[in-house]
Amino acid sequence: MKVLEWLVGPANDFLWTYILIGLLLAGGLYFTFRTKFVQFRLFREMFRLIVEKKGSDDGVSAFQAFTISAASRVGTGNVTGVALAIGIGGPGAVFWMWVIALIGMATAFVESTLAQVYKVKDGDTFRGGPAYYMEKALGFRKLGIVFAILLTLCFGFIFNAVQSNTISQSFHDVFNLPFWAVGLALVLLTAVIIFGGVKRIVKVTQSIVPIMATFYILVALFIVIMNISEIPAMIALIFEHAFGIKEMAGGGVGAALMQGVRRGLFSNEAGMGSVPNAAATANVSHPAKQGLVQSLGVFFDTIIVCSATAFIIILAGLYDKGEESGIILTQASMEVHVGSWAPYFIAIAIMFFAFSSIIGNYYYGETNIEFINAHKSWMVVYRVAVLGMVMFGALAKVDIVWSMADLFMGIMAILNLVVILLLGKVAFKVLDDFSTQRNQGKDPVFKASSVPGLKGADCWEDKHEL
């Protein structure tokens, strides 16, 4: 284990310090300008589209696809990840989380729109994602296979180990339950759902996600209202630590930037190439519709849910507890505000957040396993392996699990960002087509012929042309 830590640590530092932060910011700004600030310009439209009904019985609705992605997004990154970021980088990390989210909304639009353009039919549903647009748009199936393997390892295995690790740690600390018992319970619950296929996954996520997120946000809002007089000072503290002279002198700005971007990406997944796998499942009349819905998902995850956790911690004044605190920091902060029942509330919240993420993460791996080989035996092996990683995560040391998550996430994000930068012009033309029809008062409907020279968009071919 020490050898693994020795290898993973330096690799993470190099990847995040010298490559990924610059690529994320540059890519996000490029997409923001090329889409004419789509994340702000069409912000109101996103809310209308999220409740739009699908046109036929095939696939899942825009909202259901949103809940699959939200199930993966809204997890331990919103509670433990934010606590880690603030513990290491200080309150300034929150500002950089906001920045990466607002910029990342444009990146999320592009990658999810591309996933819709190049999705494929799978029985009465759809599937797609980066591996699919790497093959269909670029003609690089081998590159798609590499990405599919990385995503399956990252989400199906490593990230699910992170989620179960946080649940087991929280339940052990609060309820004094043995790690193995929590792990076994998680394995059984996960098995019941993932062996039921995508329809069962959708039913679970669309039930859990809205309830858990709403309840958590309401509690955070209650705490903010209780401390309303402290809000101006808290906002000032966030900006002071993000840009302050004192922090620059001590290297604090670098730590805040690094942790804000790293934990922000872990939480909202913009540009990582994971969310497009959920976006492709939606049955919508125009690819840009799901692009906008998933762009809203970044806002919801970071600006709303992550901020809720950050405000709870900063208002409690416990943000200097340090990296080792993690979930304990969030529990201690909540206890300052609402008393001794706080640890129980956080433990239950973590259970729902992280368990829904396990289900969402599993699906991302499933659709990529199908890309590599659709034979049913592969899927059985993958499902058993996922259950094994859920148990491993419940028993493993947290530091190495988080470090491995960062490494795999970084490699995946670099590969996906390079590809969507190459394919961005397709998403821009699709957006132009959407905007033109919308300005004409139409409900936008997309055809592959709307973008001259577009190839590989099989699901959008005009039936008469075929």
Protein backbone atom coordinates (compact mmCIF):
# COMPACT_ATOMS: atom_id res chain seq x y z
CA MET A 1 0.00 0.00 0.00
CA LYS A 2 2.90 2.39 0.77
CA VAL A 3 4.38 1.73 -2.67
CA LEU A 4 1.02 2.61 -4.24
CA GLU A 5 0.85 5.84 -2.26
CA TRP A 6 4.41 6.68 -3.34
CA LEU A 7 3.46 6.26 -6.99
CA VAL A 8 0.03 7.91 -6.94
CA GLY A 9 0.98 11.06 -4.98
CA PRO A 10 3.61 12.52 -7.37
CA ALA A 11 1.55 11.52 -10.42
CA ASN A 12 -1.45 13.42 -9.03
CA ASP A 13 0.61 16.53 -8.25
CA PHE A 14 2.08 16.64 -11.77
CA LEU A 15 -1.23 15.96 -13.49
CA TRP A 16 -3.22 18.56 -11.60
CA THR A 17 -0.56 21.25 -11.21
CA TYR A 18 0.90 21.32 -14.69
CA ILE A 19 -1.82 20.01 -17.01
CA LEU A 20 -5.40 19.69 -15.84
CA ILE A 21 -6.15 23.03 -14.15
CA GLY A 22 -4.95 24.99 -17.18
CA LEU A 23 -6.80 22.69 -19.59
CA LEU A 24 -10.06 22.90 -17.63
CA LEU A 25 -9.99 26.68 -17.36
CA ALA A 26 -8.82 27.26 -20.95
CA GLY A 27 -11.31 24.74 -22.37
CA GLY A 28 -14.17 26.11 -20.29
CA LEU A 29 -13.44 29.70 -21.33
CA TYR A 30 -13.13 28.67 -24.99
CA PHE A 31 -16.51 26.89 -24.90
CA THR A 32 -18.06 29.81 -23.03
CA PHE A 33 -17.04 32.31 -25.72
CA ARG A 34 -17.77 30.03 -28.69
CA THR A 35 -21.27 29.24 -27.40
CA LYS A 36 -21.83 32.96 -26.71
CA PHE A 37 -22.11 32.36 -22.96
CA VAL A 38 -24.74 29.65 -23.33
CA GLN A 39 -24.76 28.90 -19.59
CA PHE A 40 -26.03 32.43 -18.85
CA ARG A 41 -27.86 33.24 -22.08
CA LEU A 42 -30.15 30.19 -21.94
CA PHE A 43 -30.25 29.71 -18.17
CA ARG A 44 -34.03 30.16 -17.94
CA GLU A 45 -34.55 27.77 -20.86
CA MET A 46 -32.78 25.02 -18.89
CA PHE A 47 -35.54 24.97 -16.28
CA ARG A 48 -38.24 24.63 -18.95
CA LEU A 49 -36.44 21.79 -20.71
CA ILE A 50 -35.81 19.72 -17.60
CA VAL A 51 -39.54 19.01 -17.23
CA GLU A 52 -40.23 18.55 -20.94
CA LYS A 53 -41.89 15.23 -21.76
CA LYS A 54 -40.27 12.78 -24.17
CA GLY A 55 -41.77 12.36 -27.61
CA SER A 56 -42.20 8.56 -27.56
CA ASP A 57 -41.90 5.51 -25.31
CA ASP A 58 -38.25 4.94 -26.30
CA GLY A 59 -35.44 5.94 -23.98
CA VAL A 60 -35.87 7.99 -20.82
CA SER A 61 -37.09 11.55 -20.30
CA ALA A 62 -34.85 14.61 -19.98
CA PHE A 63 -35.57 14.69 -16.23
CA GLN A 64 -34.78 10.99 -15.78
CA ALA A 65 -31.47 11.40 -17.60
CA PHE A 66 -30.79 14.39 -15.33
CA THR A 67 -31.45 12.29 -12.21
CA ILE A 68 -29.05 9.55 -13.38
CA SER A 69 -26.29 12.14 -13.76
CA ALA A 70 -27.31 13.92 -10.55
CA ALA A 71 -27.20 10.59 -8.70
CA SER A 72 -23.53 10.32 -9.64
CA ARG A 73 -22.75 14.02 -9.19
CA VAL A 74 -24.49 14.55 -5.84
CA GLY A 75 -22.44 12.29 -3.62
CA THR A 76 -19.59 12.39 -1.15
CA GLY A 77 -17.96 15.18 -3.14
CA ASN A 78 -20.72 17.49 -1.92
CA VAL A 79 -20.16 16.66 1.75
CA THR A 80 -16.76 15.06 2.31
CA GLY A 81 -15.07 16.56 -0.77
CA VAL A 82 -16.08 20.11 0.15
CA ALA A 83 -14.87 19.55 3.71
CA LEU A 84 -11.52 18.30 2.41
CA ALA A 85 -11.20 21.28 0.07
CA ILE A 86 -11.92 23.82 2.81
CA GLY A 87 -9.79 21.94 5.34
CA ILE A 88 -6.74 22.10 3.04
CA GLY A 89 -7.32 25.23 0.96
CA GLY A 90 -9.36 27.33 3.37
CA PRO A 91 -12.57 29.23 2.59
CA GLY A 92 -11.01 30.51 -0.65
CA ALA A 93 -11.44 27.03 -2.16
CA VAL A 94 -15.20 27.70 -2.30
CA PHE A 95 -14.70 30.62 -4.68
CA TRP A 96 -12.66 28.48 -7.07
CA MET A 97 -15.35 25.79 -6.89
CA TRP A 98 -17.83 28.41 -8.07
CA VAL A 99 -15.55 29.55 -10.88
CA ILE A 100 -14.91 26.05 -12.21
CA ALA A 101 -18.66 25.34 -12.05
CA LEU A 102 -19.76 28.47 -13.93
CA ILE A 103 -17.11 27.94 -16.59
CA GLY A 104 -17.71 24.19 -16.57
CA MET A 105 -21.39 24.66 -17.42
CA ALA A 106 -20.34 25.47 -21.00
CA THR A 107 -18.07 22.43 -21.10
CA ALA A 108 -20.91 20.25 -19.81
CA PHE A 109 -23.18 21.60 -22.53
CA VAL A 110 -20.71 20.70 -25.27
CA GLU A 111 -19.91 17.16 -24.10
CA SER A 112 -23.55 16.26 -23.40
CA THR A 113 -24.73 17.68 -26.73
CA LEU A 114 -22.09 15.60 -28.51
CA ALA A 115 -23.25 12.51 -26.59
CA GLN A 116 -26.79 13.12 -27.88
CA VAL A 117 -25.65 13.68 -31.47
CA TYR A 118 -23.68 10.42 -31.59
CA LYS A 119 -25.88 8.20 -29.37
CA VAL A 120 -26.97 4.75 -30.55
CA LYS A 121 -30.19 2.75 -30.21
CA ASP A 122 -30.11 -0.05 -27.65
CA GLY A 123 -33.43 -1.91 -27.71
CA ASP A 124 -36.05 0.53 -26.44
CA THR A 125 -33.42 2.84 -24.92
CA PHE A 126 -30.37 4.81 -26.05
CA ARG A 127 -26.76 4.75 -24.94
CA GLY A 128 -23.70 6.82 -25.74
CA GLY A 129 -20.92 8.95 -24.31
CA PRO A 130 -17.31 9.91 -25.08
CA ALA A 131 -16.30 6.40 -26.20
CA TYR A 132 -19.11 6.54 -28.76
CA TYR A 133 -18.28 9.97 -30.17
CA MET A 134 -14.60 9.02 -30.29
CA GLU A 135 -15.54 6.13 -32.57
CA LYS A 136 -18.38 7.66 -34.60
CA ALA A 137 -17.07 11.22 -35.02
CA LEU A 138 -13.30 10.68 -35.06
CA GLY A 139 -13.21 7.08 -36.29
CA PHE A 140 -10.95 6.07 -33.38
CA ARG A 141 -12.57 3.00 -31.86
CA LYS A 142 -9.35 2.03 -30.08
CA LEU A 143 -9.26 5.42 -28.37
CA GLY A 144 -12.90 4.88 -27.38
CA ILE A 145 -11.99 1.53 -25.86
CA VAL A 146 -9.16 3.14 -23.86
CA PHE A 147 -11.58 5.77 -22.55
CA ALA A 148 -14.24 3.14 -21.80
CA ILE A 149 -11.72 1.16 -19.75
CA LEU A 150 -10.60 4.28 -17.86
CA LEU A 151 -14.17 5.33 -17.11
CA THR A 152 -15.16 1.84 -15.97
CA LEU A 153 -12.14 1.66 -13.66
CA CYS A 154 -12.70 5.21 -12.43
CA PHE A 155 -16.46 5.22 -11.82
CA GLY A 156 -17.46 1.59 -11.63
CA PHE A 157 -14.59 0.70 -9.31
CA ILE A 158 -12.54 3.57 -7.78
CA PHE A 159 -15.30 6.16 -7.28
CA ASN A 160 -17.67 3.52 -5.94
CA ALA A 161 -14.98 2.55 -3.45
CA VAL A 162 -14.81 6.24 -2.43
CA GLN A 163 -18.57 6.36 -1.90
CA SER A 164 -18.76 3.17 0.17
CA ASN A 165 -15.67 4.25 2.12
CA THR A 166 -17.41 7.46 3.20
CA ILE A 167 -20.62 5.66 4.13
CA SER A 168 -18.83 3.02 6.21
CA GLN A 169 -16.64 5.62 7.95
CA SER A 170 -19.65 7.78 8.80
CA PHE A 171 -21.81 4.90 10.06
CA HIS A 172 -18.90 3.49 12.07
CA ASP A 173 -18.26 6.85 13.78
CA VAL A 174 -21.91 7.68 14.45
CA PHE A 175 -23.59 4.30 15.02
CA ASN A 176 -20.48 2.28 15.95
CA LEU A 177 -21.27 -0.28 13.25
CA PRO A 178 -18.42 -2.53 12.03
CA PHE A 179 -17.01 -1.60 8.63
CA TRP A 180 -17.65 -5.09 7.25
CA ALA A 181 -21.32 -4.98 8.26
CA VAL A 182 -21.90 -1.65 6.50
CA GLY A 183 -20.05 -2.94 3.45
CA LEU A 184 -22.14 -6.11 3.30
CA ALA A 185 -25.39 -4.13 3.54
CA LEU A 186 -24.25 -1.85 0.71
CA VAL A 187 -23.32 -4.83 -1.46
CA LEU A 188 -26.75 -6.40 -1.02
CA LEU A 189 -28.65 -3.16 -1.73
CA THR A 190 -26.51 -2.42 -4.77
CA ALA A 191 -26.95 -5.93 -6.17
CA VAL A 192 -30.75 -5.71 -6.00
CA ILE A 193 -30.73 -2.55 -8.13
CA ILE A 194 -27.94 -3.07 -10.68
CA PHE A 195 -29.13 -6.56 -11.65
CA GLY A 196 -32.49 -4.97 -12.54
CA GLY A 197 -31.11 -3.04 -15.52
CA VAL A 198 -31.38 0.61 -16.56
CA LYS A 199 -35.15 0.82 -15.95
CA ARG A 200 -34.72 -0.04 -12.28
CA ILE A 201 -31.77 2.35 -12.01
CA VAL A 202 -33.94 5.17 -13.40
CA LYS A 203 -36.78 4.38 -10.97
CA VAL A 204 -34.40 4.50 -7.99
CA THR A 205 -32.55 7.66 -9.00
CA GLN A 206 -35.65 9.67 -9.89
CA SER A 207 -37.07 8.83 -6.46
CA ILE A 208 -33.99 9.36 -4.30
CA VAL A 209 -32.26 12.37 -5.91
CA PRO A 210 -34.99 15.06 -5.63
CA ILE A 211 -35.93 14.09 -2.07
CA MET A 212 -32.41 13.86 -0.66
CA ALA A 213 -31.16 17.06 -2.32
CA THR A 214 -34.23 19.10 -1.32
CA PHE A 215 -34.07 18.00 2.32
CA TYR A 216 -30.33 18.71 2.60
CA ILE A 217 -30.69 22.15 0.99
CA LEU A 218 -33.60 23.06 3.29
CA VAL A 219 -31.53 22.20 6.38
CA ALA A 220 -28.64 24.29 5.05
CA LEU A 221 -31.04 27.15 4.28
CA PHE A 222 -32.36 26.97 7.83
CA ILE A 223 -28.79 27.27 9.15
CA VAL A 224 -28.08 30.23 6.85
CA ILE A 225 -31.24 32.02 8.04
CA MET A 226 -30.24 31.38 11.66
CA ASN A 227 -26.92 33.06 10.93
CA ILE A 228 -28.17 35.70 8.48
CA SER A 229 -26.20 38.49 10.14
CA GLU A 230 -22.96 36.57 9.51
CA ILE A 231 -23.49 36.10 5.77
CA PRO A 232 -21.73 39.31 4.59
CA ALA A 233 -18.68 38.43 6.70
CA MET A 234 -18.69 34.86 5.36
CA ILE A 235 -18.77 36.02 1.72
CA ALA A 236 -15.99 38.50 2.44
CA LEU A 237 -13.95 35.71 4.06
CA ILE A 238 -14.33 33.49 0.98
CA PHE A 239 -13.09 36.25 -1.36
CA GLU A 240 -10.35 37.34 1.06
CA HIS A 241 -8.93 33.82 1.20
CA ALA A 242 -9.26 33.40 -2.56
CA PHE A 243 -7.28 36.58 -3.37
CA GLY A 244 -5.86 37.92 -0.09
CA ILE A 245 -2.30 39.22 0.20
CA LYS A 246 -1.76 37.17 3.33
CA GLU A 247 -2.76 33.99 1.53
CA MET A 248 -0.51 34.79 -1.46
CA ALA A 249 2.47 35.21 0.82
CA GLY A 250 1.86 31.85 2.46
CA GLY A 251 0.96 29.93 -0.68
CA GLY A 252 -2.65 29.75 0.44
CA VAL A 253 -4.06 30.95 -2.87
CA GLY A 254 -2.40 28.05 -4.68
CA ALA A 255 -3.85 25.58 -2.18
CA ALA A 256 -7.29 27.17 -2.43
CA LEU A 257 -7.17 27.12 -6.24
CA MET A 258 -5.93 23.52 -6.40
CA GLN A 259 -8.48 22.17 -3.94
CA GLY A 260 -11.35 24.22 -5.34
CA VAL A 261 -10.75 22.99 -8.88
CA ARG A 262 -9.97 19.40 -7.90
CA ARG A 263 -12.94 18.92 -5.56
CA GLY A 264 -15.19 21.01 -7.80
CA LEU A 265 -14.46 18.72 -10.74
CA PHE A 266 -14.87 15.62 -8.58
CA SER A 267 -18.28 16.88 -7.56
CA ASN A 268 -19.79 18.39 -10.75
CA GLU A 269 -17.81 16.24 -13.26
CA ALA A 270 -17.87 18.94 -15.96
CA GLY A 271 -15.48 17.94 -18.75
CA MET A 272 -14.64 14.60 -17.21
CA GLY A 273 -16.64 12.62 -19.77
CA SER A 274 -18.89 10.86 -17.28
CA VAL A 275 -22.15 12.81 -17.49
CA PRO A 276 -22.46 12.39 -21.31
CA ASN A 277 -23.11 8.69 -20.65
CA ALA A 278 -26.31 9.70 -18.84
CA ALA A 279 -27.13 12.51 -21.29
CA ALA A 280 -27.16 10.05 -24.20
CA THR A 281 -30.02 8.05 -22.66
CA ALA A 282 -32.54 10.89 -23.01
CA ASN A 283 -35.20 10.84 -25.70
CA VAL A 284 -35.34 14.51 -26.77
CA SER A 285 -36.21 16.21 -30.05
CA HIS A 286 -32.93 18.12 -30.21
CA PRO A 287 -29.44 17.29 -28.84
CA ALA A 288 -28.98 20.82 -27.47
CA LYS A 289 -31.93 20.29 -25.12
CA GLN A 290 -30.11 17.64 -23.12
CA GLY A 291 -26.91 19.69 -23.34
CA LEU A 292 -28.71 22.53 -21.59
CA VAL A 293 -30.25 20.21 -18.99
CA GLN A 294 -26.86 18.77 -18.08
CA SER A 295 -25.36 22.26 -17.96
CA LEU A 296 -27.97 23.06 -15.32
CA GLY A 297 -26.83 19.94 -13.47
CA VAL A 298 -23.39 21.51 -12.90
CA PHE A 299 -25.02 24.62 -11.45
CA PHE A 300 -27.29 22.55 -9.21
CA ASP A 301 -24.45 20.38 -7.93
CA THR A 302 -21.83 23.01 -7.13
CA ILE A 303 -23.52 26.39 -6.77
CA ILE A 304 -26.42 24.93 -4.76
CA VAL A 305 -25.48 21.68 -2.99
CA CYS A 306 -21.71 22.19 -2.52
CA SER A 307 -22.31 25.76 -1.35
CA ALA A 308 -24.77 24.44 1.22
CA THR A 309 -22.04 22.29 2.79
CA ALA A 310 -19.46 25.08 2.55
CA PHE A 311 -21.74 27.58 4.31
CA ILE A 312 -22.45 25.09 7.11
CA ILE A 313 -18.71 24.62 7.72
CA ILE A 314 -17.61 28.27 7.40
CA LEU A 315 -20.45 29.64 9.53
CA ALA A 316 -19.45 27.17 12.25
CA GLY A 317 -15.90 28.57 12.22
CA LEU A 318 -14.30 25.10 12.02
CA TYR A 319 -12.70 25.38 8.58
CA ASP A 320 -9.15 25.15 9.97
CA LYS A 321 -9.60 21.60 11.28
CA GLY A 322 -7.40 20.12 8.56
CA GLU A 323 -7.48 17.49 5.84
CA GLU A 324 -7.81 14.50 8.13
CA SER A 325 -11.22 15.64 9.34
CA GLY A 326 -13.19 15.07 6.13
CA ILE A 327 -16.71 13.98 6.93
CA ILE A 328 -16.02 14.55 10.64
CA LEU A 329 -15.52 18.25 9.89
CA THR A 330 -18.97 18.46 8.30
CA GLN A 331 -20.54 16.58 11.20
CA ALA A 332 -18.83 18.79 13.80
CA SER A 333 -19.90 21.94 11.94
CA MET A 334 -23.49 20.79 11.74
CA GLU A 335 -23.43 20.01 15.47
CA VAL A 336 -22.44 23.61 16.21
CA HIS A 337 -25.59 24.78 14.48
CA VAL A 338 -28.28 22.25 15.40
CA GLY A 339 -27.00 20.25 18.33
CA SER A 340 -26.28 16.63 19.11
CA TRP A 341 -28.54 15.12 16.44
CA ALA A 342 -26.34 16.56 13.65
CA PRO A 343 -24.01 13.55 13.25
CA TYR A 344 -27.03 11.28 12.73
CA PHE A 345 -28.45 13.62 10.10
CA ILE A 346 -25.13 13.78 8.22
CA ALA A 347 -24.71 10.02 8.38
CA ILE A 348 -28.15 9.48 6.85
CA ALA A 349 -27.58 12.21 4.25
CA ILE A 350 -24.26 10.61 3.31
CA MET A 351 -25.97 7.25 3.00
CA PHE A 352 -28.47 8.57 0.44
CA PHE A 353 -25.99 10.80 -1.40
CA ALA A 354 -23.28 8.20 -1.69
CA PHE A 355 -25.55 5.23 -2.36
CA SER A 356 -27.28 7.04 -5.23
CA SER A 357 -23.80 7.81 -6.58
CA ILE A 358 -22.88 4.14 -6.49
CA ILE A 359 -25.90 3.41 -8.68
CA GLY A 360 -25.18 6.28 -11.09
CA ASN A 361 -21.48 5.39 -11.27
CA TYR A 362 -22.34 1.78 -11.97
CA TYR A 363 -24.47 2.79 -14.95
CA TYR A 364 -21.62 4.83 -16.46
CA GLY A 365 -19.47 1.71 -16.37
CA GLU A 366 -22.28 -0.45 -17.79
CA THR A 367 -22.74 1.62 -20.93
CA ASN A 368 -18.98 1.58 -21.54
CA ILE A 369 -18.72 -2.16 -21.00
CA GLU A 370 -21.41 -2.50 -23.68
CA PHE A 371 -19.29 -0.32 -25.97
CA ILE A 372 -16.33 -2.68 -25.56
CA ASN A 373 -18.33 -5.91 -25.75
CA ALA A 374 -22.10 -6.26 -25.45
CA HIS A 375 -22.00 -9.97 -24.51
CA LYS A 376 -24.02 -10.63 -21.35
CA SER A 377 -21.20 -12.55 -19.65
CA TRP A 378 -19.08 -9.38 -19.62
CA MET A 379 -21.87 -7.54 -17.83
CA VAL A 380 -22.16 -10.25 -15.16
CA VAL A 381 -18.41 -10.08 -14.51
CA TYR A 382 -18.56 -6.27 -14.32
CA ARG A 383 -21.47 -6.31 -11.85
CA VAL A 384 -19.71 -8.77 -9.55
CA ALA A 385 -16.52 -6.69 -9.73
CA VAL A 386 -18.46 -3.54 -8.79
CA LEU A 387 -19.90 -5.28 -5.75
CA GLY A 388 -16.36 -6.36 -4.80
CA MET A 389 -15.12 -2.76 -4.99
CA VAL A 390 -18.03 -1.55 -2.88
CA MET A 391 -16.92 -3.98 -0.16
CA PHE A 392 -13.24 -3.05 -0.64
CA GLY A 393 -14.06 0.65 -0.27
CA ALA A 394 -15.90 0.02 2.99
CA LEU A 395 -12.74 -1.52 4.46
CA ALA A 396 -9.95 0.51 2.77
CA LYS A 397 -7.88 3.44 3.99
CA VAL A 398 -9.51 6.69 2.87
CA ASP A 399 -6.38 8.58 1.77
CA ILE A 400 -5.29 6.13 -0.92
CA VAL A 401 -8.85 5.75 -2.21
CA TRP A 402 -9.23 9.54 -2.66
CA SER A 403 -5.76 9.78 -4.27
CA MET A 404 -6.55 7.02 -6.77
CA ALA A 405 -9.87 8.73 -7.55
CA ASP A 406 -8.02 11.97 -8.29
CA LEU A 407 -5.52 10.21 -10.57
CA PHE A 408 -8.07 8.30 -12.65
CA MET A 409 -10.34 11.35 -12.82
CA GLY A 410 -7.46 13.48 -14.08
CA ILE A 411 -6.43 11.08 -16.85
CA MET A 412 -10.04 10.68 -17.99
CA ALA A 413 -10.68 14.42 -18.00
CA ILE A 414 -7.57 15.19 -20.09
CA LEU A 415 -8.52 12.62 -22.73
CA ASN A 416 -12.14 13.80 -22.93
CA LEU A 417 -11.26 17.51 -22.96
CA VAL A 418 -8.87 17.08 -25.88
CA VAL A 419 -11.53 15.19 -27.85
CA ILE A 420 -14.37 17.66 -27.22
CA LEU A 421 -12.05 20.52 -28.16
CA LEU A 422 -11.60 18.77 -31.51
CA LEU A 423 -15.35 18.15 -31.89
CA GLY A 424 -16.57 21.40 -30.39
CA LYS A 425 -17.52 22.86 -33.77
CA VAL A 426 -20.24 20.20 -34.13
CA ALA A 427 -21.81 21.22 -30.82
CA PHE A 428 -21.62 24.91 -31.81
CA LYS A 429 -23.50 24.24 -35.07
CA VAL A 430 -26.10 22.15 -33.24
CA LEU A 431 -26.60 25.03 -30.79
CA ASP A 432 -26.96 27.50 -33.67
CA ASP A 433 -29.65 25.25 -35.20
CA PHE A 434 -31.46 25.07 -31.83
CA SER A 435 -31.30 28.86 -31.36
CA THR A 436 -32.52 29.56 -34.90
CA GLN A 437 -35.59 27.35 -34.51
CA ARG A 438 -36.27 28.68 -31.02
CA ASN A 439 -36.12 32.30 -32.24
CA GLN A 440 -38.65 31.37 -34.94
CA GLY A 441 -41.06 30.25 -32.20
CA LYS A 442 -40.68 26.55 -33.01
CA ASP A 443 -40.09 23.60 -30.71
CA PRO A 444 -36.60 22.73 -32.02
CA VAL A 445 -36.35 19.38 -33.85
CA PHE A 446 -32.97 18.20 -35.06
CA LYS A 447 -32.03 16.35 -38.24
CA ALA A 448 -28.50 15.27 -39.14
CA SER A 449 -28.86 17.18 -42.42
CA SER A 450 -29.16 20.39 -40.38
CA VAL A 451 -25.37 20.30 -39.95
CA PRO A 452 -23.70 19.97 -43.37
CA GLY A 453 -21.19 17.13 -43.53
CA LEU A 454 -22.27 15.59 -40.22
CA LYS A 455 -21.55 11.86 -40.18
CA GLY A 456 -22.20 9.17 -37.57
CA ALA A 457 -25.38 10.75 -36.18
CA ASP A 458 -27.44 7.66 -37.01
CA CYS A 459 -30.27 8.35 -34.57
CA TRP A 460 -30.90 11.75 -36.18
CA GLU A 461 -31.03 10.70 -39.82
CA ASP A 462 -34.22 11.67 -41.64
CA LYS A 463 -36.21 8.45 -42.22
CA HIS A 464 -37.10 9.55 -45.77
CA GLU A 465 -33.40 9.98 -46.55
CA LEU A 466 -32.68 6.50 -45.23
